[in-house]
Amino acid sequence: MTEDIDKSKTQIVKASTKSDIEILEPLKKSQPFISFRYSYKSVSSIGGKTHIKSKEKSFENGKFQSEEFEGTMDGNVYSSMAGEIQKRVWNQIAAFLKPFGLIGKDKNTK
């Protein structure tokens, strides 16, 4: 069996230099399989006081975070906030209906 080895084609091993070696950068982390964000905010008026609750939970980049807040404010905060929201909603409805001629025209002019 040793007769089958051809010794005429021997290769010489030489030492390599740093310039001969290709250094590969490590792969960057890919996006995680799952990520989510959940938030909840509540403003209510109970017993003449404004109650505010806020919760926020998230799982991003393999890290879970949770924040919660709860507080009580003066009662007029709720009424002024509700009035401001009603005003904004009405302005959006009026802006939407204006091109149809349903709002914004004087009844006497035709």
PDB file of N, CA and C in Angstrom:
ATOM      1  N   MET A   1       0.814  -1.178   0.000  1.00  0.00           N
ATOM      2  CA  MET A   1       0.000   0.000   0.000  1.00  0.00           C
ATOM      3  C   MET A   1       0.864   1.250   0.000  1.00  0.00           C
ATOM      4  N   THR A   2       1.999   1.226   0.621  1.00  0.00           N
ATOM      5  CA  THR A   2       2.887   2.379   0.634  1.00  0.00           C
ATOM      6  C   THR A   2       3.476   2.644  -0.729  1.00  0.00           C
ATOM      7  N   GLU A   3       3.381   1.712  -1.614  1.00  0.00           N
ATOM      8  CA  GLU A   3       3.909   1.880  -2.962  1.00  0.00           C
ATOM      9  C   GLU A   3       3.052   2.829  -3.782  1.00  0.00           C
ATOM     10  N   ASP A   4       1.774   3.035  -3.432  1.00  0.00           N
ATOM     11  CA  ASP A   4       0.858   3.868  -4.202  1.00  0.00           C
ATOM     12  C   ASP A   4       1.079   5.356  -3.966  1.00  0.00           C
ATOM     13  N   ILE A   5       1.765   5.746  -2.944  1.00  0.00           N
ATOM     14  CA  ILE A   5       1.954   7.164  -2.630  1.00  0.00           C
ATOM     15  C   ILE A   5       3.049   7.723  -3.522  1.00  0.00           C
ATOM     16  N   ASP A   6       2.729   8.814  -4.187  1.00  0.00           N
ATOM     17  CA  ASP A   6       3.685   9.466  -5.074  1.00  0.00           C
ATOM     18  C   ASP A   6       4.405  10.554  -4.290  1.00  0.00           C
ATOM     19  N   LYS A   7       5.669  10.367  -3.994  1.00  0.00           N
ATOM     20  CA  LYS A   7       6.429  11.310  -3.192  1.00  0.00           C
ATOM     21  C   LYS A   7       7.046  12.416  -4.020  1.00  0.00           C
ATOM     22  N   SER A   8       6.892  12.401  -5.320  1.00  0.00           N
ATOM     23  CA  SER A   8       7.501  13.433  -6.160  1.00  0.00           C
ATOM     24  C   SER A   8       6.736  14.747  -6.120  1.00  0.00           C
ATOM     25  N   LYS A   9       5.475  14.721  -5.708  1.00  0.00           N
ATOM     26  CA  LYS A   9       4.644  15.929  -5.681  1.00  0.00           C
ATOM     27  C   LYS A   9       4.469  16.442  -4.256  1.00  0.00           C
ATOM     28  N   THR A  10       5.498  16.551  -3.512  1.00  0.00           N
ATOM     29  CA  THR A  10       5.398  17.065  -2.146  1.00  0.00           C
ATOM     30  C   THR A  10       5.277  18.583  -2.180  1.00  0.00           C
ATOM     31  N   GLN A  11       4.545  19.121  -1.234  1.00  0.00           N
ATOM     32  CA  GLN A  11       4.356  20.572  -1.132  1.00  0.00           C
ATOM     33  C   GLN A  11       5.067  21.076   0.108  1.00  0.00           C
ATOM     34  N   ILE A  12       5.651  22.243  -0.032  1.00  0.00           N
ATOM     35  CA  ILE A  12       6.354  22.846   1.085  1.00  0.00           C
ATOM     36  C   ILE A  12       5.385  23.801   1.779  1.00  0.00           C
ATOM     37  N   VAL A  13       5.295  23.693   3.094  1.00  0.00           N
ATOM     38  CA  VAL A  13       4.427  24.546   3.885  1.00  0.00           C
ATOM     39  C   VAL A  13       5.238  25.746   4.322  1.00  0.00           C
ATOM     40  N   LYS A  14       4.706  26.950   4.048  1.00  0.00           N
ATOM     41  CA  LYS A  14       5.418  28.157   4.460  1.00  0.00           C
ATOM     42  C   LYS A  14       4.576  28.917   5.472  1.00  0.00           C
ATOM     43  N   ALA A  15       5.225  29.677   6.308  1.00  0.00           N
ATOM     44  CA  ALA A  15       4.537  30.479   7.322  1.00  0.00           C
ATOM     45  C   ALA A  15       3.843  31.656   6.642  1.00  0.00           C
ATOM     46  N   SER A  16       2.651  31.974   7.113  1.00  0.00           N
ATOM     47  CA  SER A  16       1.905  33.078   6.509  1.00  0.00           C
ATOM     48  C   SER A  16       2.125  34.355   7.304  1.00  0.00           C
ATOM     49  N   THR A  17       1.899  35.464   6.643  1.00  0.00           N
ATOM     50  CA  THR A  17       2.005  36.765   7.308  1.00  0.00           C
ATOM     51  C   THR A  17       0.599  37.272   7.578  1.00  0.00           C
ATOM     52  N   LYS A  18       0.500  38.332   8.376  1.00  0.00           N
ATOM     53  CA  LYS A  18      -0.823  38.881   8.702  1.00  0.00           C
ATOM     54  C   LYS A  18      -1.533  39.413   7.467  1.00  0.00           C
ATOM     55  N   SER A  19      -0.815  39.866   6.490  1.00  0.00           N
ATOM     56  CA  SER A  19      -1.449  40.393   5.281  1.00  0.00           C
ATOM     57  C   SER A  19      -2.071  39.279   4.442  1.00  0.00           C
ATOM     58  N   ASP A  20      -1.628  38.038   4.652  1.00  0.00           N
ATOM     59  CA  ASP A  20      -2.184  36.912   3.900  1.00  0.00           C
ATOM     60  C   ASP A  20      -3.509  36.420   4.482  1.00  0.00           C
ATOM     61  N   ILE A  21      -3.805  36.801   5.722  1.00  0.00           N
ATOM     62  CA  ILE A  21      -4.998  36.298   6.399  1.00  0.00           C
ATOM     63  C   ILE A  21      -6.144  37.293   6.243  1.00  0.00           C
ATOM     64  N   GLU A  22      -7.295  36.797   5.840  1.00  0.00           N
ATOM     65  CA  GLU A  22      -8.483  37.640   5.706  1.00  0.00           C
ATOM     66  C   GLU A  22      -9.287  37.561   6.999  1.00  0.00           C
ATOM     67  N   ILE A  23      -9.460  38.713   7.637  1.00  0.00           N
ATOM     68  CA  ILE A  23     -10.200  38.761   8.889  1.00  0.00           C
ATOM     69  C   ILE A  23     -11.646  39.119   8.580  1.00  0.00           C
ATOM     70  N   LEU A  24     -12.561  38.274   9.000  1.00  0.00           N
ATOM     71  CA  LEU A  24     -13.984  38.497   8.763  1.00  0.00           C
ATOM     72  C   LEU A  24     -14.594  39.174   9.976  1.00  0.00           C
ATOM     73  N   GLU A  25     -15.429  40.165   9.713  1.00  0.00           N
ATOM     74  CA  GLU A  25     -16.151  40.847  10.785  1.00  0.00           C
ATOM     75  C   GLU A  25     -17.297  39.951  11.239  1.00  0.00           C
ATOM     76  N   PRO A  26     -17.624  39.960  12.529  1.00  0.00           N
ATOM     77  CA  PRO A  26     -18.751  39.139  12.986  1.00  0.00           C
ATOM     78  C   PRO A  26     -20.060  39.645  12.390  1.00  0.00           C
ATOM     79  N   LEU A  27     -20.969  38.736  12.175  1.00  0.00           N
ATOM     80  CA  LEU A  27     -22.265  39.099  11.611  1.00  0.00           C
ATOM     81  C   LEU A  27     -23.029  39.963  12.599  1.00  0.00           C
ATOM     82  N   LYS A  28     -23.695  40.974  12.076  1.00  0.00           N
ATOM     83  CA  LYS A  28     -24.520  41.822  12.925  1.00  0.00           C
ATOM     84  C   LYS A  28     -25.761  41.045  13.330  1.00  0.00           C
ATOM     85  N   LYS A  29     -26.270  41.402  14.515  1.00  0.00           N
ATOM     86  CA  LYS A  29     -27.486  40.738  14.976  1.00  0.00           C
ATOM     87  C   LYS A  29     -28.634  41.049  14.032  1.00  0.00           C
ATOM     88  N   SER A  30     -29.362  40.036  13.682  1.00  0.00           N
ATOM     89  CA  SER A  30     -30.542  40.256  12.844  1.00  0.00           C
ATOM     90  C   SER A  30     -31.696  40.686  13.737  1.00  0.00           C
ATOM     91  N   GLN A  31     -32.763  41.089  13.123  1.00  0.00           N
ATOM     92  CA  GLN A  31     -33.947  41.507  13.868  1.00  0.00           C
ATOM     93  C   GLN A  31     -34.478  40.321  14.673  1.00  0.00           C
ATOM     94  N   PRO A  32     -34.954  40.593  15.890  1.00  0.00           N
ATOM     95  CA  PRO A  32     -35.491  39.494  16.687  1.00  0.00           C
ATOM     96  C   PRO A  32     -36.750  38.920  16.048  1.00  0.00           C
ATOM     97  N   PHE A  33     -37.066  37.737  16.456  1.00  0.00           N
ATOM     98  CA  PHE A  33     -38.226  37.052  15.892  1.00  0.00           C
ATOM     99  C   PHE A  33     -39.516  37.793  16.190  1.00  0.00           C
ATOM    100  N   ILE A  34     -39.609  38.389  17.374  1.00  0.00           N
ATOM    101  CA  ILE A  34     -40.837  39.070  17.753  1.00  0.00           C
ATOM    102  C   ILE A  34     -40.494  40.351  18.509  1.00  0.00           C
ATOM    103  N   SER A  35     -41.287  41.364  18.264  1.00  0.00           N
ATOM    104  CA  SER A  35     -41.194  42.602  19.045  1.00  0.00           C
ATOM    105  C   SER A  35     -42.583  43.218  19.074  1.00  0.00           C
ATOM    106  N   PHE A  36     -42.906  43.880  20.184  1.00  0.00           N
ATOM    107  CA  PHE A  36     -44.218  44.503  20.293  1.00  0.00           C
ATOM    108  C   PHE A  36     -44.145  45.707  21.200  1.00  0.00           C
ATOM    109  N   ARG A  37     -45.158  46.545  21.085  1.00  0.00           N
ATOM    110  CA  ARG A  37     -45.299  47.723  21.946  1.00  0.00           C
ATOM    111  C   ARG A  37     -46.782  47.852  22.272  1.00  0.00           C
ATOM    112  N   TYR A  38     -47.074  48.042  23.553  1.00  0.00           N
ATOM    113  CA  TYR A  38     -48.457  48.170  24.018  1.00  0.00           C
ATOM    114  C   TYR A  38     -48.524  49.385  24.928  1.00  0.00           C
ATOM    115  N   SER A  39     -49.522  50.229  24.712  1.00  0.00           N
ATOM    116  CA  SER A  39     -49.693  51.362  25.618  1.00  0.00           C
ATOM    117  C   SER A  39     -51.182  51.561  25.889  1.00  0.00           C
ATOM    118  N   TYR A  40     -51.468  52.048  27.081  1.00  0.00           N
ATOM    119  CA  TYR A  40     -52.841  52.260  27.527  1.00  0.00           C
ATOM    120  C   TYR A  40     -52.866  53.548  28.341  1.00  0.00           C
ATOM    121  N   LYS A  41     -53.793  54.430  28.009  1.00  0.00           N
ATOM    122  CA  LYS A  41     -53.944  55.673  28.751  1.00  0.00           C
ATOM    123  C   LYS A  41     -55.418  55.878  29.047  1.00  0.00           C
ATOM    124  N   SER A  42     -55.712  56.296  30.274  1.00  0.00           N
ATOM    125  CA  SER A  42     -57.093  56.490  30.689  1.00  0.00           C
ATOM    126  C   SER A  42     -57.197  57.777  31.492  1.00  0.00           C
ATOM    127  N   VAL A  43     -58.194  58.598  31.143  1.00  0.00           N
ATOM    128  CA  VAL A  43     -58.485  59.822  31.889  1.00  0.00           C
ATOM    129  C   VAL A  43     -59.959  59.762  32.251  1.00  0.00           C
ATOM    130  N   SER A  44     -60.260  59.865  33.540  1.00  0.00           N
ATOM    131  CA  SER A  44     -61.656  59.793  33.976  1.00  0.00           C
ATOM    132  C   SER A  44     -61.900  60.805  35.084  1.00  0.00           C
ATOM    133  N   SER A  45     -63.172  61.088  35.291  1.00  0.00           N
ATOM    134  CA  SER A  45     -63.558  62.019  36.343  1.00  0.00           C
ATOM    135  C   SER A  45     -64.444  61.268  37.333  1.00  0.00           C
ATOM    136  N   ILE A  46     -63.955  61.128  38.562  1.00  0.00           N
ATOM    137  CA  ILE A  46     -64.698  60.428  39.604  1.00  0.00           C
ATOM    138  C   ILE A  46     -64.671  61.290  40.851  1.00  0.00           C
ATOM    139  N   GLY A  47     -65.852  61.613  41.371  1.00  0.00           N
ATOM    140  CA  GLY A  47     -65.936  62.379  42.603  1.00  0.00           C
ATOM    141  C   GLY A  47     -65.353  63.782  42.504  1.00  0.00           C
ATOM    142  N   GLY A  48     -65.459  64.399  41.347  1.00  0.00           N
ATOM    143  CA  GLY A  48     -64.964  65.762  41.180  1.00  0.00           C
ATOM    144  C   GLY A  48     -63.461  65.862  40.984  1.00  0.00           C
ATOM    145  N   LYS A  49     -62.757  64.753  40.844  1.00  0.00           N
ATOM    146  CA  LYS A  49     -61.314  64.750  40.617  1.00  0.00           C
ATOM    147  C   LYS A  49     -61.011  64.037  39.306  1.00  0.00           C
ATOM    148  N   THR A  50     -59.944  64.446  38.660  1.00  0.00           N
ATOM    149  CA  THR A  50     -59.509  63.826  37.419  1.00  0.00           C
ATOM    150  C   THR A  50     -58.487  62.749  37.743  1.00  0.00           C
ATOM    151  N   HIS A  51     -58.755  61.516  37.303  1.00  0.00           N
ATOM    152  CA  HIS A  51     -57.846  60.391  37.527  1.00  0.00           C
ATOM    153  C   HIS A  51     -57.176  60.033  36.202  1.00  0.00           C
ATOM    154  N   ILE A  52     -55.859  59.904  36.242  1.00  0.00           N
ATOM    155  CA  ILE A  52     -55.082  59.593  35.041  1.00  0.00           C
ATOM    156  C   ILE A  52     -54.309  58.304  35.291  1.00  0.00           C
ATOM    157  N   LYS A  53     -54.393  57.358  34.323  1.00  0.00           N
ATOM    158  CA  LYS A  53     -53.634  56.114  34.375  1.00  0.00           C
ATOM    159  C   LYS A  53     -52.918  55.941  33.044  1.00  0.00           C
ATOM    160  N   SER A  54     -51.707  55.457  33.105  1.00  0.00           N
ATOM    161  CA  SER A  54     -50.944  55.205  31.894  1.00  0.00           C
ATOM    162  C   SER A  54     -50.096  53.957  32.091  1.00  0.00           C
ATOM    163  N   LYS A  55     -50.119  53.055  31.116  1.00  0.00           N
ATOM    164  CA  LYS A  55     -49.293  51.842  31.130  1.00  0.00           C
ATOM    165  C   LYS A  55     -48.637  51.710  29.765  1.00  0.00           C
ATOM    166  N   GLU A  56     -47.393  51.306  29.782  1.00  0.00           N
ATOM    167  CA  GLU A  56     -46.673  51.097  28.528  1.00  0.00           C
ATOM    168  C   GLU A  56     -45.749  49.906  28.701  1.00  0.00           C
ATOM    169  N   LYS A  57     -45.852  48.943  27.797  1.00  0.00           N
ATOM    170  CA  LYS A  57     -45.019  47.745  27.838  1.00  0.00           C
ATOM    171  C   LYS A  57     -44.456  47.532  26.442  1.00  0.00           C
ATOM    172  N   SER A  58     -43.206  47.092  26.377  1.00  0.00           N
ATOM    173  CA  SER A  58     -42.601  46.834  25.073  1.00  0.00           C
ATOM    174  C   SER A  58     -41.560  45.731  25.182  1.00  0.00           C
ATOM    175  N   PHE A  59     -41.394  45.012  24.099  1.00  0.00           N
ATOM    176  CA  PHE A  59     -40.347  44.000  23.971  1.00  0.00           C
ATOM    177  C   PHE A  59     -39.662  44.269  22.646  1.00  0.00           C
ATOM    178  N   GLU A  60     -38.474  44.836  22.714  1.00  0.00           N
ATOM    179  CA  GLU A  60     -37.723  45.182  21.510  1.00  0.00           C
ATOM    180  C   GLU A  60     -36.256  44.855  21.736  1.00  0.00           C
ATOM    181  N   ASN A  61     -35.604  44.336  20.702  1.00  0.00           N
ATOM    182  CA  ASN A  61     -34.187  43.974  20.750  1.00  0.00           C
ATOM    183  C   ASN A  61     -33.882  43.036  21.923  1.00  0.00           C
ATOM    184  N   GLY A  62     -34.799  42.129  22.211  1.00  0.00           N
ATOM    185  CA  GLY A  62     -34.591  41.164  23.270  1.00  0.00           C
ATOM    186  C   GLY A  62     -34.694  41.735  24.674  1.00  0.00           C
ATOM    187  N   LYS A  63     -35.265  42.923  24.802  1.00  0.00           N
ATOM    188  CA  LYS A  63     -35.334  43.585  26.099  1.00  0.00           C
ATOM    189  C   LYS A  63     -36.785  43.949  26.404  1.00  0.00           C
ATOM    190  N   PHE A  64     -37.283  43.531  27.575  1.00  0.00           N
ATOM    191  CA  PHE A  64     -38.650  43.835  27.994  1.00  0.00           C
ATOM    192  C   PHE A  64     -38.633  45.054  28.908  1.00  0.00           C
ATOM    193  N   GLN A  65     -39.506  46.017  28.623  1.00  0.00           N
ATOM    194  CA  GLN A  65     -39.608  47.217  29.450  1.00  0.00           C
ATOM    195  C   GLN A  65     -41.070  47.441  29.811  1.00  0.00           C
ATOM    196  N   SER A  66     -41.290  47.922  31.031  1.00  0.00           N
ATOM    197  CA  SER A  66     -42.640  48.176  31.511  1.00  0.00           C
ATOM    198  C   SER A  66     -42.645  49.452  32.341  1.00  0.00           C
ATOM    199  N   GLU A  67     -43.602  50.334  32.045  1.00  0.00           N
ATOM    200  CA  GLU A  67     -43.758  51.580  32.797  1.00  0.00           C
ATOM    201  C   GLU A  67     -45.229  51.762  33.138  1.00  0.00           C
ATOM    202  N   GLU A  68     -45.494  52.266  34.342  1.00  0.00           N
ATOM    203  CA  GLU A  68     -46.860  52.539  34.770  1.00  0.00           C
ATOM    204  C   GLU A  68     -46.890  53.864  35.515  1.00  0.00           C
ATOM    205  N   PHE A  69     -48.002  54.573  35.353  1.00  0.00           N
ATOM    206  CA  PHE A  69     -48.181  55.856  36.029  1.00  0.00           C
ATOM    207  C   PHE A  69     -49.641  55.982  36.422  1.00  0.00           C
ATOM    208  N   GLU A  70     -49.870  56.520  37.606  1.00  0.00           N
ATOM    209  CA  GLU A  70     -51.236  56.762  38.055  1.00  0.00           C
ATOM    210  C   GLU A  70     -51.214  58.026  38.903  1.00  0.00           C
ATOM    211  N   GLY A  71     -52.177  58.934  38.650  1.00  0.00           N
ATOM    212  CA  GLY A  71     -52.208  60.173  39.403  1.00  0.00           C
ATOM    213  C   GLY A  71     -53.593  60.789  39.463  1.00  0.00           C
ATOM    214  N   THR A  72     -53.745  61.770  40.351  1.00  0.00           N
ATOM    215  CA  THR A  72     -55.006  62.477  40.530  1.00  0.00           C
ATOM    216  C   THR A  72     -54.747  63.968  40.381  1.00  0.00           C
ATOM    217  N   MET A  73     -55.658  64.647  39.657  1.00  0.00           N
ATOM    218  CA  MET A  73     -55.542  66.085  39.445  1.00  0.00           C
ATOM    219  C   MET A  73     -56.862  66.752  39.789  1.00  0.00           C
ATOM    220  N   ASP A  74     -56.888  68.066  39.695  1.00  0.00           N
ATOM    221  CA  ASP A  74     -58.078  68.850  39.969  1.00  0.00           C
ATOM    222  C   ASP A  74     -59.186  68.492  38.974  1.00  0.00           C
ATOM    223  N   GLY A  75     -60.429  68.632  39.360  1.00  0.00           N
ATOM    224  CA  GLY A  75     -61.571  68.239  38.540  1.00  0.00           C
ATOM    225  C   GLY A  75     -61.739  69.035  37.262  1.00  0.00           C
ATOM    226  N   ASN A  76     -61.317  70.293  37.236  1.00  0.00           N
ATOM    227  CA  ASN A  76     -61.505  71.100  36.029  1.00  0.00           C
ATOM    228  C   ASN A  76     -60.567  70.668  34.892  1.00  0.00           C
ATOM    229  N   VAL A  77     -59.542  69.872  35.184  1.00  0.00           N
ATOM    230  CA  VAL A  77     -58.649  69.374  34.130  1.00  0.00           C
ATOM    231  C   VAL A  77     -59.432  68.485  33.169  1.00  0.00           C
ATOM    232  N   TYR A  78     -60.276  67.613  33.715  1.00  0.00           N
ATOM    233  CA  TYR A  78     -61.060  66.707  32.878  1.00  0.00           C
ATOM    234  C   TYR A  78     -62.048  67.475  32.005  1.00  0.00           C
ATOM    235  N   SER A  79     -62.769  68.441  32.589  1.00  0.00           N
ATOM    236  CA  SER A  79     -63.777  69.173  31.813  1.00  0.00           C
ATOM    237  C   SER A  79     -63.128  70.015  30.722  1.00  0.00           C
ATOM    238  N   SER A  80     -61.989  70.631  30.987  1.00  0.00           N
ATOM    239  CA  SER A  80     -61.332  71.424  29.937  1.00  0.00           C
ATOM    240  C   SER A  80     -60.759  70.509  28.854  1.00  0.00           C
ATOM    241  N   MET A  81     -60.263  69.324  29.243  1.00  0.00           N
ATOM    242  CA  MET A  81     -59.736  68.381  28.264  1.00  0.00           C
ATOM    243  C   MET A  81     -60.859  67.848  27.368  1.00  0.00           C
ATOM    244  N   ALA A  82     -62.002  67.516  27.975  1.00  0.00           N
ATOM    245  CA  ALA A  82     -63.135  67.016  27.194  1.00  0.00           C
ATOM    246  C   ALA A  82     -63.657  68.088  26.246  1.00  0.00           C
ATOM    247  N   GLY A  83     -63.714  69.342  26.692  1.00  0.00           N
ATOM    248  CA  GLY A  83     -64.147  70.430  25.815  1.00  0.00           C
ATOM    249  C   GLY A  83     -63.192  70.636  24.644  1.00  0.00           C
ATOM    250  N   GLU A  84     -61.902  70.543  24.895  1.00  0.00           N
ATOM    251  CA  GLU A  84     -60.905  70.699  23.826  1.00  0.00           C
ATOM    252  C   GLU A  84     -61.016  69.570  22.799  1.00  0.00           C
ATOM    253  N   ILE A  85     -61.230  68.346  23.262  1.00  0.00           N
ATOM    254  CA  ILE A  85     -61.375  67.203  22.343  1.00  0.00           C
ATOM    255  C   ILE A  85     -62.629  67.358  21.494  1.00  0.00           C
ATOM    256  N   GLN A  86     -63.734  67.785  22.110  1.00  0.00           N
ATOM    257  CA  GLN A  86     -64.967  67.989  21.345  1.00  0.00           C
ATOM    258  C   GLN A  86     -64.782  69.063  20.283  1.00  0.00           C
ATOM    259  N   LYS A  87     -64.079  70.122  20.620  1.00  0.00           N
ATOM    260  CA  LYS A  87     -63.828  71.197  19.656  1.00  0.00           C
ATOM    261  C   LYS A  87     -62.989  70.692  18.476  1.00  0.00           C
ATOM    262  N   ARG A  88     -61.963  69.889  18.762  1.00  0.00           N
ATOM    263  CA  ARG A  88     -61.105  69.361  17.690  1.00  0.00           C
ATOM    264  C   ARG A  88     -61.876  68.401  16.777  1.00  0.00           C
ATOM    265  N   VAL A  89     -62.715  67.545  17.374  1.00  0.00           N
ATOM    266  CA  VAL A  89     -63.497  66.607  16.568  1.00  0.00           C
ATOM    267  C   VAL A  89     -64.467  67.375  15.669  1.00  0.00           C
ATOM    268  N   TRP A  90     -65.131  68.385  16.201  1.00  0.00           N
ATOM    269  CA  TRP A  90     -66.050  69.173  15.406  1.00  0.00           C
ATOM    270  C   TRP A  90     -65.323  69.873  14.253  1.00  0.00           C
ATOM    271  N   ASN A  91     -64.149  70.413  14.502  1.00  0.00           N
ATOM    272  CA  ASN A  91     -63.369  71.068  13.440  1.00  0.00           C
ATOM    273  C   ASN A  91     -62.974  70.077  12.347  1.00  0.00           C
ATOM    274  N   GLN A  92     -62.636  68.841  12.720  1.00  0.00           N
ATOM    275  CA  GLN A  92     -62.302  67.835  11.704  1.00  0.00           C
ATOM    276  C   GLN A  92     -63.530  67.442  10.889  1.00  0.00           C
ATOM    277  N   ILE A  93     -64.678  67.300  11.537  1.00  0.00           N
ATOM    278  CA  ILE A  93     -65.910  66.961  10.807  1.00  0.00           C
ATOM    279  C   ILE A  93     -66.281  68.099   9.859  1.00  0.00           C
ATOM    280  N   ALA A  94     -66.158  69.335  10.325  1.00  0.00           N
ATOM    281  CA  ALA A  94     -66.481  70.490   9.481  1.00  0.00           C
ATOM    282  C   ALA A  94     -65.537  70.566   8.290  1.00  0.00           C
ATOM    283  N   ALA A  95     -64.251  70.311   8.498  1.00  0.00           N
ATOM    284  CA  ALA A  95     -63.285  70.343   7.393  1.00  0.00           C
ATOM    285  C   ALA A  95     -63.577  69.236   6.380  1.00  0.00           C
ATOM    286  N   PHE A  96     -64.047  68.086   6.847  1.00  0.00           N
ATOM    287  CA  PHE A  96     -64.378  66.993   5.945  1.00  0.00           C
ATOM    288  C   PHE A  96     -65.631  67.285   5.127  1.00  0.00           C
ATOM    289  N   LEU A  97     -66.651  67.877   5.743  1.00  0.00           N
ATOM    290  CA  LEU A  97     -67.924  68.109   5.055  1.00  0.00           C
ATOM    291  C   LEU A  97     -67.931  69.377   4.210  1.00  0.00           C
ATOM    292  N   LYS A  98     -66.995  70.283   4.409  1.00  0.00           N
ATOM    293  CA  LYS A  98     -66.978  71.553   3.684  1.00  0.00           C
ATOM    294  C   LYS A  98     -66.928  71.380   2.161  1.00  0.00           C
ATOM    295  N   PRO A  99     -66.093  70.485   1.594  1.00  0.00           N
ATOM    296  CA  PRO A  99     -66.086  70.325   0.124  1.00  0.00           C
ATOM    297  C   PRO A  99     -67.411  69.834  -0.448  1.00  0.00           C
ATOM    298  N   PHE A 100     -68.225  69.190   0.350  1.00  0.00           N
ATOM    299  CA  PHE A 100     -69.510  68.701  -0.119  1.00  0.00           C
ATOM    300  C   PHE A 100     -70.598  69.761  -0.029  1.00  0.00           C
ATOM    301  N   GLY A 101     -70.268  70.903   0.509  1.00  0.00           N
ATOM    302  CA  GLY A 101     -71.218  71.997   0.616  1.00  0.00           C
ATOM    303  C   GLY A 101     -72.242  71.817   1.715  1.00  0.00           C
ATOM    304  N   LEU A 102     -71.981  70.901   2.638  1.00  0.00           N
ATOM    305  CA  LEU A 102     -72.941  70.636   3.702  1.00  0.00           C
ATOM    306  C   LEU A 102     -72.758  71.572   4.898  1.00  0.00           C
ATOM    307  N   ILE A 103     -71.586  72.134   5.015  1.00  0.00           N
ATOM    308  CA  ILE A 103     -71.301  73.024   6.143  1.00  0.00           C
ATOM    309  C   ILE A 103     -70.533  74.249   5.619  1.00  0.00           C
ATOM    310  N   GLY A 104     -70.787  75.358   6.213  1.00  0.00           N
ATOM    311  CA  GLY A 104     -69.983  76.537   5.904  1.00  0.00           C
ATOM    312  C   GLY A 104     -70.649  77.527   4.969  1.00  0.00           C
ATOM    313  N   LYS A 105     -71.769  77.172   4.348  1.00  0.00           N
ATOM    314  CA  LYS A 105     -72.455  78.109   3.466  1.00  0.00           C
ATOM    315  C   LYS A 105     -73.587  78.788   4.219  1.00  0.00           C
ATOM    316  N   ASP A 106     -73.767  80.038   3.895  1.00  0.00           N
ATOM    317  CA  ASP A 106     -74.867  80.806   4.503  1.00  0.00           C
ATOM    318  C   ASP A 106     -76.169  80.396   3.821  1.00  0.00           C
ATOM    319  N   LYS A 107     -77.239  80.208   4.577  1.00  0.00           N
ATOM    320  CA  LYS A 107     -78.518  79.760   4.031  1.00  0.00           C
ATOM    321  C   LYS A 107     -79.142  80.784   3.081  1.00  0.00           C
ATOM    322  N   ASN A 108     -78.869  82.081   3.275  1.00  0.00           N
ATOM    323  CA  ASN A 108     -79.494  83.123   2.465  1.00  0.00           C
ATOM    324  C   ASN A 108     -78.812  83.289   1.096  1.00  0.00           C
ATOM    325  N   THR A 109     -77.566  82.876   0.944  1.00  0.00           N
ATOM    326  CA  THR A 109     -76.868  83.029  -0.333  1.00  0.00           C
ATOM    327  C   THR A 109     -76.991  81.758  -1.141  1.00  0.00           C
ATOM    328  N   LYS A 110     -77.361  81.935  -2.434  1.00  0.00           N
ATOM    329  CA  LYS A 110     -77.491  80.770  -3.322  1.00  0.00           C
ATOM    330  C   LYS A 110     -76.830  81.056  -4.630  1.00  0.00           C
TER     331      LYS A 110
END
